[in-house]
Amino acid sequence: MSTVEQRVFQVLNASTAPLWIAMIVAPRSKVTAWLMKIAAPIFVGLGVSYTALLVSGAVDADERINFMDPESLRRGLGSPKAFLAGWTHYLAFDLFVGRWIWQESVAAGRPARLSLLLTWWAGPLGLMLFLLRRAR
């Protein structure tokens, strides 16, 4: 990865970290509620970044990715821009799920710190834990 691509990676990660920390550390605070209320620009920024990285990666690609061929997909995701697009996709969707978990848990008056932490670090694992706890 180039220095610019490494910087993009750092900025993308830093853009969501304050929201995750607020949801986990202080889920019922007014600051967290305010952050979640104004999170739309972060989602828009992630969406714009994703689109730009995806298009830029596709333009620079040596071959078109065949999504039915795992080797073609692996090669395609191996480029720095495609990796960054994929990472941005993960950040956006994990944050969306985390925000939903946060909303549901605050409304129900139940703690969800572990589910939120796992969603931040391991996406589906945190969602699974939340859904299992909610079903009980």
Protein backbone atom coordinates (compact mmCIF):
# COMPACT_ATOMS: atom_id res chain seq x y z
CA MET A 1 0.00 0.00 0.00
CA SER A 2 1.13 3.50 -0.74
CA THR A 3 1.48 6.11 1.98
CA VAL A 4 -1.73 7.78 0.77
CA GLU A 5 -3.64 4.49 0.89
CA GLN A 6 -2.33 3.82 4.40
CA ARG A 7 -3.51 7.28 5.44
CA VAL A 8 -6.95 6.62 3.92
CA PHE A 9 -7.11 3.39 5.95
CA GLN A 10 -6.26 5.29 9.15
CA VAL A 11 -8.81 8.02 8.47
CA LEU A 12 -11.54 5.49 7.71
CA ASN A 13 -10.89 3.63 10.95
CA ALA A 14 -10.71 6.85 12.98
CA SER A 15 -14.02 8.08 11.53
CA THR A 16 -16.05 5.38 13.25
CA ALA A 17 -14.06 4.82 16.46
CA PRO A 18 -15.63 7.67 18.50
CA LEU A 19 -19.11 6.31 17.84
CA TRP A 20 -18.14 2.78 18.87
CA ILE A 21 -16.38 3.99 22.00
CA ALA A 22 -19.38 6.12 23.01
CA MET A 23 -21.85 3.26 22.46
CA ILE A 24 -19.72 0.83 24.47
CA VAL A 25 -18.42 3.05 27.28
CA ALA A 26 -21.39 5.36 27.84
CA PRO A 27 -24.43 3.86 26.11
CA ARG A 28 -27.01 5.93 28.00
CA SER A 29 -25.24 9.28 28.02
CA LYS A 30 -26.59 12.39 26.33
CA VAL A 31 -23.35 12.69 24.37
CA THR A 32 -23.78 9.19 22.93
CA ALA A 33 -27.41 9.90 22.03
CA TRP A 34 -26.32 13.12 20.34
CA LEU A 35 -23.52 11.35 18.43
CA MET A 36 -25.92 8.68 17.19
CA LYS A 37 -28.40 11.34 16.17
CA ILE A 38 -25.83 13.15 14.02
CA ALA A 39 -24.14 10.00 12.64
CA ALA A 40 -25.72 10.42 9.19
CA PRO A 41 -22.76 12.41 7.78
CA ILE A 42 -20.41 9.61 8.79
CA PHE A 43 -22.57 7.06 6.97
CA VAL A 44 -22.71 9.35 3.93
CA GLY A 45 -18.93 9.85 4.08
CA LEU A 46 -18.36 6.10 4.26
CA GLY A 47 -20.75 5.60 1.34
CA VAL A 48 -19.00 8.21 -0.79
CA SER A 49 -15.58 6.78 0.14
CA TYR A 50 -16.75 3.27 -0.70
CA THR A 51 -18.10 4.33 -4.07
CA ALA A 52 -14.98 6.32 -4.97
CA LEU A 53 -12.66 3.49 -3.95
CA LEU A 54 -14.76 0.90 -5.76
CA VAL A 55 -14.88 2.90 -9.00
CA SER A 56 -11.21 3.84 -8.78
CA GLY A 57 -10.24 0.22 -8.12
CA ALA A 58 -12.35 -1.00 -11.03
CA VAL A 59 -10.76 1.54 -13.38
CA ASP A 60 -7.25 0.51 -12.30
CA ALA A 61 -7.96 -3.24 -12.37
CA ASP A 62 -6.14 -5.47 -14.81
CA GLU A 63 -9.19 -7.70 -15.15
CA ARG A 64 -12.89 -7.58 -14.38
CA ILE A 65 -13.79 -9.47 -11.24
CA ASN A 66 -15.92 -12.53 -11.79
CA PHE A 67 -17.90 -12.79 -8.54
CA MET A 68 -18.71 -16.42 -9.31
CA ASP A 69 -15.01 -17.35 -9.38
CA PRO A 70 -13.31 -17.30 -5.96
CA GLU A 71 -9.83 -16.93 -7.50
CA SER A 72 -10.91 -13.94 -9.57
CA LEU A 73 -12.50 -12.40 -6.49
CA ARG A 74 -9.38 -13.03 -4.37
CA ARG A 75 -7.14 -11.44 -7.00
CA GLY A 76 -9.48 -8.47 -7.35
CA LEU A 77 -9.63 -7.83 -3.61
CA GLY A 78 -5.84 -8.03 -3.47
CA SER A 79 -5.41 -4.56 -4.92
CA PRO A 80 -5.08 -1.75 -2.35
CA LYS A 81 -8.10 0.21 -3.61
CA ALA A 82 -10.33 -2.86 -3.70
CA PHE A 83 -9.15 -3.78 -0.19
CA LEU A 84 -9.97 -0.26 1.03
CA ALA A 85 -13.38 -0.40 -0.64
CA GLY A 86 -14.07 -3.73 1.07
CA TRP A 87 -12.86 -2.40 4.41
CA THR A 88 -15.08 0.66 4.06
CA HIS A 89 -18.00 -1.67 3.34
CA TYR A 90 -17.27 -3.55 6.58
CA LEU A 91 -16.96 -0.34 8.59
CA ALA A 92 -20.24 1.07 7.30
CA PHE A 93 -22.29 -2.07 7.75
CA ASP A 94 -20.83 -2.98 11.13
CA LEU A 95 -21.48 0.56 12.37
CA PHE A 96 -25.04 0.43 11.04
CA VAL A 97 -25.63 -2.86 12.87
CA GLY A 98 -23.92 -1.53 16.00
CA ARG A 99 -26.11 1.55 16.00
CA TRP A 100 -29.19 -0.64 15.69
CA ILE A 101 -27.99 -2.86 18.58
CA TRP A 102 -27.36 0.27 20.64
CA GLN A 103 -30.85 1.67 19.90
CA GLU A 104 -32.56 -1.62 20.70
CA SER A 105 -30.64 -2.17 23.92
CA VAL A 106 -31.17 1.38 25.21
CA ALA A 107 -34.89 1.20 24.41
CA ALA A 108 -35.18 -2.15 26.21
CA GLY A 109 -33.04 -1.02 29.14
CA ARG A 110 -30.64 -3.91 28.62
CA PRO A 111 -26.85 -3.79 28.49
CA ALA A 112 -25.22 -4.66 25.18
CA ARG A 113 -21.57 -3.72 25.72
CA LEU A 114 -20.19 -7.14 24.82
CA SER A 115 -22.42 -7.41 21.75
CA LEU A 116 -21.31 -3.94 20.64
CA LEU A 117 -17.63 -4.67 21.23
CA LEU A 118 -17.85 -7.93 19.29
CA THR A 119 -19.80 -6.23 16.49
CA TRP A 120 -17.07 -3.59 16.26
CA TRP A 121 -14.30 -6.19 16.18
CA ALA A 122 -15.97 -9.21 14.58
CA GLY A 123 -19.25 -8.03 12.99
CA PRO A 124 -21.53 -11.05 12.74
CA LEU A 125 -20.32 -12.52 16.04
CA GLY A 126 -21.59 -9.48 17.96
CA LEU A 127 -24.87 -9.46 16.06
CA MET A 128 -25.34 -13.17 16.78
CA LEU A 129 -24.73 -12.65 20.50
CA PHE A 130 -27.18 -9.74 20.59
CA LEU A 131 -29.89 -11.69 18.77
CA LEU A 132 -29.42 -14.73 21.02
CA ARG A 133 -29.66 -12.58 24.15
CA ARG A 134 -32.67 -10.73 22.79
CA ALA A 135 -34.46 -14.00 22.02
CA ARG A 136 -34.17 -15.16 25.65
